[in-house]
Amino acid sequence: MKTVLLTRPAGEKDPLVAELTSRGYRVIAVPTVTVRPADVAWPNLEEFDWIVVTSAAGVAALPQVSGGPRWAAVGEATARALRERGINVDVVPAQASGVALAAAIPEVKGKRIALVRASHADPDLPSALRERGAVVDEVRAYETVEGPAESAPALQQALREEDVAAVVFASGSAVRGFVKLGGGANLPAITIGPRTSAAARQAGFVVAAEATAQDVKHMAAAVERSVSKTADRPRRLRSSPALRNLVRETRLHPAQLIAPLFVVAGRGRRQEIASLKGHARLSPDLALREAHRLAELGVGGVLLFGIPDAKDASGTGAEDRNGPVPQTLRLLRSEGLPLALVADVCLCEYTSHGHCGILDGERVDNDATLPRLAAAAVAYAEAGAHIVGPSAMMDGQVAALRGGLDVAGLTDTAIMAYSSKHASSLYVPFREAAGSAPSFGDRKSYQMDVANAREALREMELDAGEGADILMVKPAITSLDLLARARERFELPLAAYQVSGEAAMIEAAAERGWLDRREAVVESLTAIARAGAAITITYFSADVAAWLRE
């Protein structure tokens, strides 16, 4: 049930309270304006042609009038108060406003009119009557008090309630009184007429609805137009860890994580990577030990990057069947570990110039590179890779790998395409780890412009058409929009690579105490999965897998 804050003078006795309650609202009535009798030297009202009354408060202040004048009331509530005193009401305008009342009184030219009103009333009614030729005596029968002190505690209590949906103002005085009592303009305002709306906006309120007339029915209708009766309380399902876990939409699992491993030739070799905390270049025997640890934690797979001892201009080491990646794959495959074995397919780690393909002068030759990428993929698949991941961003690379694998009889080897790989500043720590920084220029002629989303989707579509089994975006945190759009468009599994720069930022901030490392890691990976990734490659795989077991 939604709650509405009512600020009219009558408080709980206001008929609008009953009307709104009958319509399914909870009402808190706190008068932010009130009326008090004024010391009035009443004229002889029986000498007037008309007595015009603008509120029930004015009716209460009237002396006894035996007869003579005709009576006009601004609205039905005022007319009802007059009738309760035995007075016959001659005019009640269809619309409860001063201007409408002035127009509704007939033949006022030359007539004497006693206008019974408040001390701070708007001038529109007497002005309109005088324009029509009436002789108007304004009788200030009661005083309007804006922001009565006795209402302050109740108002502050009401404003502390969480489910108050709107505040109702029937006059500019009520608005000013609300502010005077310490009320802020954070609640939507429901008002009566343009004058009250103008006062509310001047005080900083957003006017959600304006009643077309001052009577109770129209005011209640204005509330219904802007305030739903049903209380939306999504916090109910956040109130305990058990409830939050029960309704959690995105869940992480170690099996959806892939851990990158950097491998070098030899035995017993471990070279710490300064830019990637907790990671090192490992010889195959140590990589096997790390793979056992990851498997015991339930991590889904490993992604191997090879760092050769020697490089050349053509990157021939990428297809060396005795290189560090094939050696490691054979060891891992022979152990029968429950890990998906993935091998990155690129030339940047193997070329002396650090570019991802074979050069023609200072230009990467796309088509000359494709056969070497295919040969590398075949070497890795023969050594035991379940999945090969072409990351060079050469046009047609997926088709080249699929063709090479199929010709070699390796039709069961899957391809995880680095489809949307942007030319990012977040790869720098990786390039130190893999020794793959370009010796000249950059990779913007083949890696994608980070500004292009439609092009990224086109790259995914091309790779899917060439036979990719999994589509990847990279870097993950700057590609969440692409993941979400790809999830709607493609049926293939989606992967995201939380790259070295993403990991380094979290590590650096955590070391300085700027954030909680564990919470930042889990939150970032959850966001990646929520956006649509079924697989996430992350340097935090082991840590997250351990946390998820707790």
Protein backbone atom coordinates (compact mmCIF):
# COMPACT_ATOMS: atom_id res chain seq x y z
CA MET A 1 0.00 0.00 0.00
CA LYS A 2 1.44 3.36 -1.05
CA THR A 3 1.53 6.27 1.39
CA VAL A 4 0.56 9.85 0.57
CA LEU A 5 1.45 12.85 2.73
CA LEU A 6 -1.44 15.33 3.01
CA THR A 7 -0.69 18.90 4.13
CA ARG A 8 -4.14 20.50 4.31
CA PRO A 9 -5.26 22.43 7.43
CA ALA A 10 -7.92 19.99 8.63
CA GLY A 11 -5.40 17.21 9.20
CA GLU A 12 -6.94 13.79 9.89
CA LYS A 13 -10.45 15.29 9.71
CA ASP A 14 -9.98 16.35 6.09
CA PRO A 15 -12.48 14.49 3.86
CA LEU A 16 -9.65 13.83 1.43
CA VAL A 17 -8.14 11.46 4.01
CA ALA A 18 -11.25 9.26 3.91
CA GLU A 19 -11.48 9.48 0.13
CA LEU A 20 -7.88 8.41 -0.44
CA THR A 21 -8.16 5.66 2.18
CA SER A 22 -11.22 4.29 0.40
CA ARG A 23 -9.19 4.18 -2.81
CA GLY A 24 -6.49 2.02 -1.25
CA TYR A 25 -3.93 4.56 -0.04
CA ARG A 26 -2.38 5.04 3.36
CA VAL A 27 -2.58 8.72 4.29
CA ILE A 28 -0.41 10.67 6.71
CA ALA A 29 -2.07 14.01 7.42
CA VAL A 30 0.23 16.76 8.71
CA PRO A 31 -1.06 20.34 8.36
CA THR A 32 1.73 22.54 7.03
CA VAL A 33 -0.68 25.45 7.00
CA THR A 34 -3.40 26.19 9.50
CA VAL A 35 -5.96 28.91 10.14
CA ARG A 36 -6.64 30.91 13.27
CA PRO A 37 -9.53 33.29 13.94
CA ALA A 38 -8.72 36.94 13.44
CA ASP A 39 -10.02 39.91 15.41
CA VAL A 40 -12.68 41.14 12.99
CA ALA A 41 -14.88 44.23 13.18
CA TRP A 42 -17.71 42.62 11.23
CA PRO A 43 -19.82 44.93 9.09
CA ASN A 44 -23.58 44.48 9.06
CA LEU A 45 -23.68 41.58 6.59
CA GLU A 46 -27.45 41.91 6.13
CA GLU A 47 -26.84 45.14 4.21
CA PHE A 48 -24.86 43.39 1.44
CA ASP A 49 -26.32 41.99 -1.77
CA TRP A 50 -23.96 39.02 -1.75
CA ILE A 51 -21.79 37.25 0.80
CA VAL A 52 -19.02 35.24 -0.82
CA VAL A 53 -17.15 32.62 1.25
CA THR A 54 -13.97 30.84 0.06
CA SER A 55 -13.43 28.16 2.71
CA ALA A 56 -14.98 26.20 5.55
CA ALA A 57 -12.75 28.21 7.90
CA GLY A 58 -14.46 31.35 6.70
CA VAL A 59 -17.85 29.75 7.35
CA ALA A 60 -16.81 28.91 10.92
CA ALA A 61 -15.81 32.53 11.54
CA LEU A 62 -19.12 34.02 10.35
CA PRO A 63 -21.43 35.76 12.83
CA GLN A 64 -25.11 34.93 12.75
CA VAL A 65 -26.85 36.39 9.69
CA SER A 66 -30.65 36.36 9.87
CA GLY A 67 -31.42 37.06 6.24
CA GLY A 68 -31.17 39.44 3.33
CA PRO A 69 -28.06 38.72 1.23
CA ARG A 70 -27.56 35.95 -1.27
CA TRP A 71 -24.72 33.48 -0.74
CA ALA A 72 -21.94 32.14 -2.95
CA ALA A 73 -19.38 29.44 -2.08
CA VAL A 74 -16.11 28.71 -3.89
CA GLY A 75 -16.65 24.95 -3.86
CA GLU A 76 -18.85 22.15 -2.64
CA ALA A 77 -17.01 21.71 0.68
CA THR A 78 -17.58 25.38 1.56
CA ALA A 79 -21.20 25.16 0.41
CA ARG A 80 -21.74 22.11 2.61
CA ALA A 81 -20.41 24.01 5.64
CA LEU A 82 -22.82 26.87 4.92
CA ARG A 83 -25.79 24.51 4.58
CA GLU A 84 -24.90 22.92 7.92
CA ARG A 85 -25.47 26.38 9.42
CA GLY A 86 -28.88 26.58 7.75
CA ILE A 87 -27.83 28.95 5.00
CA ASN A 88 -29.19 28.50 1.47
CA VAL A 89 -26.35 28.68 -1.07
CA ASP A 90 -27.28 30.37 -4.33
CA VAL A 91 -24.06 29.91 -6.35
CA VAL A 92 -21.43 27.16 -6.38
CA PRO A 93 -19.26 27.23 -9.54
CA ALA A 94 -18.64 24.02 -11.45
CA GLN A 95 -14.89 24.54 -11.01
CA ALA A 96 -13.65 25.40 -7.54
CA SER A 97 -11.56 28.50 -8.20
CA GLY A 98 -11.70 32.20 -7.49
CA VAL A 99 -11.95 33.14 -11.16
CA ALA A 100 -14.78 30.64 -11.77
CA LEU A 101 -16.65 31.91 -8.71
CA ALA A 102 -16.35 35.52 -9.83
CA ALA A 103 -17.78 34.60 -13.23
CA ALA A 104 -20.62 32.51 -11.78
CA ILE A 105 -22.23 35.26 -9.64
CA PRO A 106 -24.91 36.94 -11.78
CA GLU A 107 -25.51 40.66 -12.29
CA VAL A 108 -22.87 41.95 -9.91
CA LYS A 109 -22.49 45.42 -11.40
CA GLY A 110 -23.16 47.97 -8.67
CA LYS A 111 -23.85 45.25 -6.09
CA ARG A 112 -22.25 45.25 -2.66
CA ILE A 113 -20.34 42.06 -1.99
CA ALA A 114 -18.82 40.97 1.31
CA LEU A 115 -15.88 38.68 0.58
CA VAL A 116 -15.02 36.53 3.61
CA ARG A 117 -11.47 35.22 3.24
CA ALA A 118 -8.06 34.54 4.75
CA SER A 119 -5.31 36.99 5.52
CA HIS A 120 -3.01 35.68 2.73
CA ALA A 121 -5.60 34.93 0.07
CA ASP A 122 -4.89 35.36 -3.63
CA PRO A 123 -6.21 38.59 -5.20
CA ASP A 124 -7.80 36.98 -8.25
CA LEU A 125 -11.35 36.75 -6.86
CA PRO A 126 -11.82 40.38 -5.64
CA SER A 127 -10.07 41.69 -8.74
CA ALA A 128 -12.38 39.74 -11.04
CA LEU A 129 -15.46 40.93 -9.16
CA ARG A 130 -14.36 44.56 -9.29
CA GLU A 131 -13.67 44.26 -13.00
CA ARG A 132 -17.31 43.30 -13.38
CA GLY A 133 -18.40 46.44 -11.51
CA ALA A 134 -19.05 45.04 -8.04
CA VAL A 135 -18.31 46.97 -4.86
CA VAL A 136 -16.25 44.52 -2.81
CA ASP A 137 -15.56 44.68 0.91
CA GLU A 138 -12.86 42.19 1.87
CA VAL A 139 -13.35 40.77 5.34
CA ARG A 140 -10.21 39.10 6.72
CA ALA A 141 -12.02 36.59 8.90
CA TYR A 142 -9.07 34.33 9.76
CA GLU A 143 -5.30 34.24 9.56
CA THR A 144 -3.28 31.74 7.55
CA VAL A 145 -0.29 30.41 9.48
CA GLU A 146 2.38 28.90 7.24
CA GLY A 147 4.44 26.19 8.94
CA PRO A 148 2.76 25.94 12.34
CA ALA A 149 5.35 24.88 14.92
CA GLU A 150 3.12 22.20 16.39
CA SER A 151 3.29 20.29 13.07
CA ALA A 152 7.08 20.07 12.95
CA PRO A 153 7.56 16.77 14.89
CA ALA A 154 4.82 14.99 12.94
CA LEU A 155 6.22 16.16 9.61
CA GLN A 156 9.75 15.02 10.41
CA GLN A 157 8.41 11.63 11.52
CA ALA A 158 6.43 11.31 8.28
CA LEU A 159 9.44 12.18 6.15
CA ARG A 160 11.45 9.40 7.79
CA GLU A 161 9.01 6.79 6.50
CA GLU A 162 10.40 4.94 3.49
CA ASP A 163 7.19 4.37 1.56
CA VAL A 164 5.86 7.94 1.27
CA ALA A 165 5.25 8.28 -2.47
CA ALA A 166 4.05 11.88 -2.83
CA VAL A 167 3.00 15.03 -0.99
CA VAL A 168 -0.32 16.79 -1.65
CA PHE A 169 -0.50 20.60 -1.59
CA ALA A 170 -3.79 22.51 -1.79
CA SER A 171 -2.26 26.00 -1.66
CA GLY A 172 0.93 27.93 -2.03
CA SER A 173 0.78 28.54 1.72
CA ALA A 174 0.93 24.77 2.32
CA VAL A 175 4.03 24.57 0.11
CA ARG A 176 5.76 27.39 1.93
CA GLY A 177 4.79 25.94 5.29
CA PHE A 178 6.18 22.55 4.32
CA VAL A 179 9.53 24.10 3.46
CA LYS A 180 9.49 26.27 6.60
CA LEU A 181 9.06 23.14 8.72
CA GLY A 182 12.15 21.58 7.19
CA GLY A 183 10.62 19.52 4.41
CA GLY A 184 12.78 19.00 1.33
CA ALA A 185 11.67 18.96 -2.29
CA ASN A 186 12.61 15.31 -2.91
CA LEU A 187 9.03 14.00 -2.99
CA PRO A 188 6.81 14.38 -6.08
CA ALA A 189 4.12 17.01 -5.50
CA ILE A 190 0.42 16.73 -6.31
CA THR A 191 -1.20 20.15 -6.43
CA ILE A 192 -4.47 22.00 -6.91
CA GLY A 193 -4.47 24.52 -9.71
CA PRO A 194 -1.73 26.45 -11.47
CA ARG A 195 -0.99 28.83 -8.57
CA THR A 196 -0.16 25.99 -6.21
CA SER A 197 1.84 24.25 -8.93
CA ALA A 198 3.84 27.41 -9.52
CA ALA A 199 4.58 27.71 -5.79
CA ALA A 200 5.66 24.06 -5.66
CA ARG A 201 7.98 24.41 -8.64
CA GLN A 202 9.45 27.59 -7.20
CA ALA A 203 10.29 25.61 -4.06
CA GLY A 204 12.05 22.97 -6.15
CA PHE A 205 9.34 20.27 -6.35
CA VAL A 206 8.55 18.21 -9.39
CA VAL A 207 4.79 18.45 -9.91
CA ALA A 208 3.62 14.94 -10.73
CA ALA A 209 -0.08 15.84 -11.14
CA GLU A 210 -2.36 18.83 -10.87
CA ALA A 211 -6.00 18.48 -9.83
CA THR A 212 -8.39 20.08 -12.30
CA ALA A 213 -10.68 21.26 -9.47
CA GLN A 214 -10.48 21.78 -5.72
CA ASP A 215 -13.06 19.23 -4.66
CA VAL A 216 -12.11 15.98 -2.98
CA LYS A 217 -12.93 13.73 -5.95
CA HIS A 218 -10.71 15.67 -8.33
CA MET A 219 -7.89 15.79 -5.82
CA ALA A 220 -8.06 12.04 -5.22
CA ALA A 221 -8.12 11.46 -8.98
CA ALA A 222 -4.91 13.48 -9.31
CA VAL A 223 -3.27 11.25 -6.70
CA GLU A 224 -4.38 8.14 -8.57
CA ARG A 225 -2.93 9.45 -11.83
CA SER A 226 0.54 9.78 -10.37
CA VAL A 227 0.86 7.28 -7.49
CA SER A 228 0.39 3.56 -7.98
CA LYS A 229 -1.50 1.95 -5.11
CA THR A 230 0.83 -1.04 -5.01
CA ALA A 231 3.94 -0.60 -2.91
CA ASP A 232 6.94 -1.72 -4.95
CA ARG A 233 9.40 -2.98 -2.34
CA PRO A 234 12.23 -4.82 -4.10
CA ARG A 235 14.28 -4.53 -0.90
CA ARG A 236 12.20 -7.37 0.56
CA LEU A 237 14.32 -9.82 -1.40
CA ARG A 238 17.60 -8.20 -0.29
CA SER A 239 17.01 -8.41 3.45
CA SER A 240 19.22 -11.44 4.20
CA PRO A 241 22.11 -13.35 2.62
CA ALA A 242 19.84 -16.38 2.14
CA LEU A 243 17.23 -14.37 0.23
CA ARG A 244 19.85 -12.61 -1.89
CA ASN A 245 21.40 -15.94 -2.78
CA LEU A 246 18.01 -17.46 -3.55
CA VAL A 247 17.10 -14.86 -6.18
CA ARG A 248 20.58 -14.22 -7.58
CA GLU A 249 20.30 -14.04 -11.35
CA THR A 250 23.97 -14.49 -12.26
CA ARG A 251 26.17 -17.07 -10.57
CA LEU A 252 29.86 -17.72 -10.97
CA HIS A 253 31.23 -21.25 -11.11
CA PRO A 254 34.88 -22.34 -11.34
CA ALA A 255 34.05 -24.47 -14.39
CA GLN A 256 33.31 -21.36 -16.46
CA LEU A 257 36.80 -19.91 -15.81
CA ILE A 258 39.95 -20.36 -17.89
CA ALA A 259 43.36 -19.58 -16.41
CA PRO A 260 46.10 -18.20 -18.68
CA LEU A 261 49.49 -19.94 -18.40
CA PHE A 262 52.76 -18.67 -19.89
CA VAL A 263 55.08 -21.54 -20.79
CA VAL A 264 58.78 -21.69 -21.64
CA ALA A 265 61.06 -24.56 -22.66
CA GLY A 266 63.15 -26.58 -20.22
CA ARG A 267 62.62 -27.98 -16.73
CA GLY A 268 62.29 -26.34 -13.33
CA ARG A 269 62.12 -22.88 -14.84
CA ARG A 270 60.00 -20.25 -13.10
CA GLN A 271 60.29 -16.59 -14.07
CA GLU A 272 58.10 -14.22 -12.04
CA ILE A 273 56.13 -11.65 -14.04
CA ALA A 274 56.38 -8.28 -12.32
CA SER A 275 53.37 -6.81 -14.13
CA LEU A 276 51.10 -9.78 -13.29
CA LYS A 277 51.13 -10.35 -9.56
CA GLY A 278 51.17 -14.04 -8.63
CA HIS A 279 51.96 -15.24 -12.16
CA ALA A 280 55.14 -16.56 -13.70
CA ARG A 281 56.54 -18.06 -16.90
CA LEU A 282 56.68 -21.80 -16.26
CA SER A 283 58.46 -24.69 -17.87
CA PRO A 284 56.17 -27.60 -18.85
CA ASP A 285 56.82 -29.58 -15.66
CA LEU A 286 55.89 -26.62 -13.45
CA ALA A 287 52.94 -25.80 -15.70
CA LEU A 288 51.73 -29.36 -15.10
CA ARG A 289 51.96 -28.81 -11.34
CA GLU A 290 49.95 -25.59 -11.66
CA ALA A 291 47.39 -27.34 -13.85
CA HIS A 292 46.88 -29.99 -11.14
CA ARG A 293 46.22 -27.22 -8.62
CA LEU A 294 43.71 -25.55 -10.94
CA ALA A 295 41.96 -28.85 -11.66
CA GLU A 296 41.62 -29.58 -7.94
CA LEU A 297 39.98 -26.16 -7.51
CA GLY A 298 37.48 -26.99 -10.27
CA VAL A 299 38.74 -24.40 -12.78
CA GLY A 300 37.37 -25.14 -16.23
CA GLY A 301 40.47 -24.86 -18.35
CA VAL A 302 43.86 -23.36 -19.11
CA LEU A 303 44.92 -21.10 -21.98
CA LEU A 304 48.56 -21.59 -23.02
CA PHE A 305 50.86 -18.87 -24.37
CA GLY A 306 54.32 -19.92 -25.50
CA ILE A 307 57.47 -17.86 -25.03
CA PRO A 308 60.30 -19.36 -27.12
CA ASP A 309 63.98 -18.98 -26.36
CA ALA A 310 64.62 -17.77 -29.94
CA LYS A 311 62.54 -15.71 -32.35
CA ASP A 312 62.72 -14.90 -36.06
CA ALA A 313 61.06 -12.50 -38.47
CA SER A 314 58.52 -15.06 -39.70
CA GLY A 315 57.53 -16.52 -36.32
CA THR A 316 58.39 -20.08 -37.34
CA GLY A 317 58.58 -21.13 -33.71
CA ALA A 318 54.79 -20.92 -33.49
CA GLU A 319 54.44 -24.19 -35.43
CA ASP A 320 57.38 -25.98 -33.81
CA ARG A 321 56.04 -29.33 -32.60
CA ASN A 322 58.73 -29.32 -29.91
CA GLY A 323 58.00 -25.78 -28.78
CA PRO A 324 56.91 -24.99 -25.21
CA VAL A 325 53.18 -25.07 -25.98
CA PRO A 326 53.12 -28.54 -27.65
CA GLN A 327 55.43 -29.92 -24.94
CA THR A 328 53.09 -28.66 -22.21
CA LEU A 329 49.98 -29.88 -24.01
CA ARG A 330 51.37 -33.42 -24.32
CA LEU A 331 52.13 -33.48 -20.59
CA LEU A 332 48.72 -32.17 -19.63
CA ARG A 333 46.87 -34.48 -22.00
CA SER A 334 48.75 -37.52 -20.71
CA GLU A 335 47.67 -36.74 -17.14
CA GLY A 336 43.98 -36.85 -18.08
CA LEU A 337 43.19 -33.74 -16.05
CA PRO A 338 39.58 -32.53 -16.09
CA LEU A 339 40.62 -29.31 -17.82
CA ALA A 340 39.79 -27.87 -21.22
CA LEU A 341 43.16 -27.35 -22.90
CA VAL A 342 43.23 -24.19 -24.98
CA ALA A 343 46.15 -22.93 -27.04
CA ASP A 344 46.46 -19.33 -28.19
CA VAL A 345 47.35 -19.09 -31.89
CA CYS A 346 49.30 -15.98 -32.79
CA LEU A 347 52.77 -15.05 -34.01
CA CYS A 348 53.51 -12.07 -31.77
CA GLU A 349 55.37 -14.13 -29.14
CA TYR A 350 57.46 -15.79 -31.86
CA THR A 351 58.37 -12.89 -34.20
CA SER A 352 61.48 -10.82 -33.65
CA HIS A 353 59.50 -7.65 -34.46
CA GLY A 354 56.59 -8.44 -32.10
CA HIS A 355 53.82 -8.09 -34.67
CA CYS A 356 51.11 -10.72 -35.00
CA GLY A 357 51.88 -11.67 -38.58
CA ILE A 358 54.51 -11.93 -41.29
CA LEU A 359 55.75 -8.57 -42.54
CA ASP A 360 55.94 -7.17 -46.04
CA GLY A 361 58.18 -4.20 -45.34
CA GLU A 362 56.52 -2.59 -42.34
CA ARG A 363 53.05 -3.87 -43.25
CA VAL A 364 51.60 -7.05 -41.81
CA ASP A 365 50.80 -9.34 -44.75
CA ASN A 366 47.40 -10.81 -43.89
CA ASP A 367 47.29 -13.64 -46.43
CA ALA A 368 50.92 -14.68 -45.98
CA THR A 369 50.26 -15.05 -42.26
CA LEU A 370 47.26 -17.38 -42.53
CA PRO A 371 49.15 -20.61 -43.45
CA ARG A 372 51.51 -20.18 -40.48
CA LEU A 373 48.59 -19.66 -38.11
CA ALA A 374 46.93 -22.81 -39.50
CA ALA A 375 50.14 -24.80 -39.13
CA ALA A 376 50.53 -23.65 -35.53
CA ALA A 377 46.93 -24.65 -34.76
CA VAL A 378 47.54 -28.12 -36.23
CA ALA A 379 50.70 -28.52 -34.13
CA TYR A 380 48.81 -27.60 -30.96
CA ALA A 381 45.83 -29.81 -31.76
CA GLU A 382 48.08 -32.79 -32.51
CA ALA A 383 49.80 -32.22 -29.16
CA GLY A 384 46.47 -32.39 -27.33
CA ALA A 385 44.68 -29.02 -27.45
CA HIS A 386 40.91 -29.32 -27.24
CA ILE A 387 40.49 -25.73 -28.41
CA VAL A 388 42.66 -23.38 -30.46
CA GLY A 389 42.21 -19.63 -30.18
CA PRO A 390 43.31 -17.51 -33.15
CA SER A 391 44.13 -14.07 -31.75
CA ALA A 392 46.14 -12.44 -34.55
CA MET A 393 43.09 -10.57 -35.93
CA MET A 394 43.91 -11.55 -39.51
CA ASP A 395 40.98 -11.55 -41.92
CA GLY A 396 39.98 -15.14 -42.66
CA GLN A 397 41.99 -16.64 -39.79
CA VAL A 398 39.13 -18.81 -38.53
CA ALA A 399 38.53 -20.27 -41.98
CA ALA A 400 42.27 -20.91 -42.36
CA LEU A 401 42.43 -22.78 -39.04
CA ARG A 402 39.28 -24.77 -39.71
CA GLY A 403 40.53 -25.81 -43.10
CA GLY A 404 43.97 -26.77 -41.78
CA LEU A 405 42.55 -28.76 -38.87
CA ASP A 406 40.05 -30.60 -41.03
CA VAL A 407 42.67 -31.53 -43.65
CA ALA A 408 44.85 -32.90 -40.82
CA GLY A 409 41.93 -35.02 -39.58
CA LEU A 410 41.50 -32.89 -36.47
CA THR A 411 37.83 -32.21 -36.99
CA ASP A 412 37.04 -32.48 -33.27
CA THR A 413 39.30 -29.57 -32.32
CA ALA A 414 37.18 -26.52 -31.54
CA ILE A 415 37.98 -22.90 -32.41
CA MET A 416 37.53 -20.07 -29.93
CA ALA A 417 37.78 -16.98 -32.12
CA TYR A 418 39.17 -13.75 -30.74
CA SER A 419 36.44 -12.09 -32.80
CA SER A 420 36.16 -8.69 -31.17
CA LYS A 421 39.70 -7.87 -30.10
CA HIS A 422 40.20 -4.15 -29.72
CA ALA A 423 43.50 -2.30 -29.96
CA SER A 424 43.60 -1.62 -26.25
CA SER A 425 45.95 0.03 -23.78
CA LEU A 426 45.05 -2.73 -21.33
CA TYR A 427 47.36 -5.32 -22.93
CA VAL A 428 50.64 -3.79 -21.71
CA PRO A 429 51.25 -6.15 -18.74
CA PHE A 430 50.65 -9.16 -21.03
CA ARG A 431 53.22 -7.92 -23.53
CA GLU A 432 55.80 -7.86 -20.76
CA ALA A 433 54.78 -11.37 -19.72
CA ALA A 434 54.94 -12.75 -23.27
CA GLY A 435 57.78 -10.55 -24.55
CA SER A 436 55.53 -9.55 -27.44
CA ALA A 437 55.55 -5.76 -27.60
CA PRO A 438 55.91 -4.51 -31.22
CA SER A 439 59.39 -3.18 -32.00
CA PHE A 440 57.85 -0.47 -34.18
CA GLY A 441 54.43 1.04 -34.75
CA ASP A 442 51.32 -0.45 -33.19
CA ARG A 443 48.63 -3.02 -33.97
CA LYS A 444 45.82 -0.66 -34.93
CA SER A 445 45.91 -1.73 -38.58
CA TYR A 446 44.64 -5.20 -37.64
CA GLN A 447 43.19 -5.01 -34.14
CA MET A 448 39.85 -3.23 -33.94
CA ASP A 449 39.10 0.39 -33.13
CA VAL A 450 37.73 0.44 -29.58
CA ALA A 451 35.05 2.91 -30.70
CA ASN A 452 33.38 0.50 -33.13
CA ALA A 453 30.54 -1.71 -31.90
CA ARG A 454 28.83 -2.53 -35.19
CA GLU A 455 32.18 -3.57 -36.66
CA ALA A 456 32.72 -5.85 -33.67
CA LEU A 457 29.42 -7.60 -34.35
CA ARG A 458 30.34 -7.90 -38.00
CA GLU A 459 33.64 -9.58 -37.02
CA MET A 460 31.70 -12.02 -34.85
CA GLU A 461 29.31 -12.80 -37.68
CA LEU A 462 32.20 -13.41 -40.08
CA ASP A 463 33.94 -15.73 -37.61
CA ALA A 464 30.73 -17.64 -36.94
CA GLY A 465 30.30 -18.08 -40.69
CA GLU A 466 33.89 -19.33 -41.03
CA GLY A 467 33.31 -22.08 -38.48
CA ALA A 468 34.07 -20.64 -35.06
CA ASP A 469 32.66 -22.67 -32.18
CA ILE A 470 33.06 -19.93 -29.53
CA LEU A 471 33.13 -16.14 -30.01
CA MET A 472 35.29 -13.99 -27.75
CA VAL A 473 35.42 -10.30 -26.83
CA LYS A 474 38.57 -8.68 -25.47
CA PRO A 475 39.10 -6.70 -23.21
CA ALA A 476 36.11 -7.83 -21.18
CA ILE A 477 35.34 -4.78 -19.05
CA THR A 478 35.27 -2.41 -22.04
CA SER A 479 33.15 -4.84 -24.10
CA LEU A 480 30.19 -5.53 -21.82
CA ASP A 481 27.84 -3.82 -24.28
CA LEU A 482 29.15 -6.03 -27.08
CA LEU A 483 28.62 -9.15 -24.97
CA ALA A 484 25.02 -8.17 -24.29
CA ARG A 485 24.32 -7.45 -27.95
CA ALA A 486 26.08 -10.63 -29.08
CA ARG A 487 24.08 -12.72 -26.61
CA GLU A 488 20.88 -11.51 -28.31
CA ARG A 489 22.23 -12.13 -31.79
CA PHE A 490 24.28 -15.35 -31.74
CA GLU A 491 23.54 -18.87 -30.53
CA LEU A 492 27.23 -19.75 -30.10
CA PRO A 493 28.85 -19.71 -26.64
CA LEU A 494 30.46 -16.38 -25.79
CA ALA A 495 33.79 -15.90 -24.06
CA ALA A 496 35.39 -12.80 -22.59
CA TYR A 497 39.01 -12.20 -21.72
CA GLN A 498 39.58 -10.18 -18.55
CA VAL A 499 42.94 -8.98 -19.77
CA SER A 500 46.17 -8.25 -17.95
CA GLY A 501 45.49 -4.52 -17.59
CA GLU A 502 42.14 -5.19 -15.96
CA ALA A 503 43.84 -7.48 -13.45
CA ALA A 504 46.68 -5.02 -12.88
CA MET A 505 44.27 -2.16 -12.11
CA ILE A 506 42.52 -4.21 -9.44
CA GLU A 507 45.81 -5.37 -7.94
CA ALA A 508 47.26 -1.86 -7.85
CA ALA A 509 44.16 -0.34 -6.26
CA ALA A 510 43.93 -3.16 -3.71
CA GLU A 511 47.59 -2.74 -2.72
CA ARG A 512 46.89 0.93 -1.98
CA GLY A 513 43.81 0.10 0.06
CA TRP A 514 41.51 1.85 -2.40
CA LEU A 515 39.23 -1.15 -2.79
CA ASP A 516 38.67 -4.65 -1.49
CA ARG A 517 40.49 -7.03 -3.85
CA ARG A 518 38.17 -10.00 -3.42
CA GLU A 519 34.99 -7.96 -3.80
CA ALA A 520 36.33 -6.12 -6.85
CA VAL A 521 37.40 -9.35 -8.55
CA VAL A 522 34.10 -11.13 -7.93
CA GLU A 523 32.05 -8.07 -8.90
CA SER A 524 33.94 -7.59 -12.17
CA LEU A 525 33.62 -11.26 -13.14
CA THR A 526 29.94 -11.29 -12.21
CA ALA A 527 29.37 -8.28 -14.46
CA ILE A 528 31.11 -10.07 -17.33
CA ALA A 529 28.94 -13.16 -16.86
CA ARG A 530 25.81 -11.04 -16.44
CA ALA A 531 26.50 -9.32 -19.75
CA GLY A 532 26.45 -12.70 -21.50
CA ALA A 533 29.79 -14.48 -21.19
CA ALA A 534 29.55 -18.23 -20.63
CA ILE A 535 33.36 -18.45 -20.39
CA THR A 536 35.73 -15.96 -18.80
CA ILE A 537 39.49 -16.04 -19.19
CA THR A 538 40.92 -14.43 -16.07
CA TYR A 539 44.17 -14.22 -14.14
CA PHE A 540 42.08 -14.56 -10.98
CA SER A 541 40.79 -18.07 -11.83
CA ALA A 542 42.51 -19.87 -8.96
CA ASP A 543 41.57 -17.25 -6.38
CA VAL A 544 37.93 -17.13 -7.44
CA ALA A 545 37.63 -20.91 -7.58
CA ALA A 546 38.96 -21.13 -4.02
CA TRP A 547 36.58 -18.40 -2.81
CA LEU A 548 33.60 -20.12 -4.42
CA ARG A 549 34.36 -23.29 -2.47
CA GLU A 550 34.15 -21.51 0.90
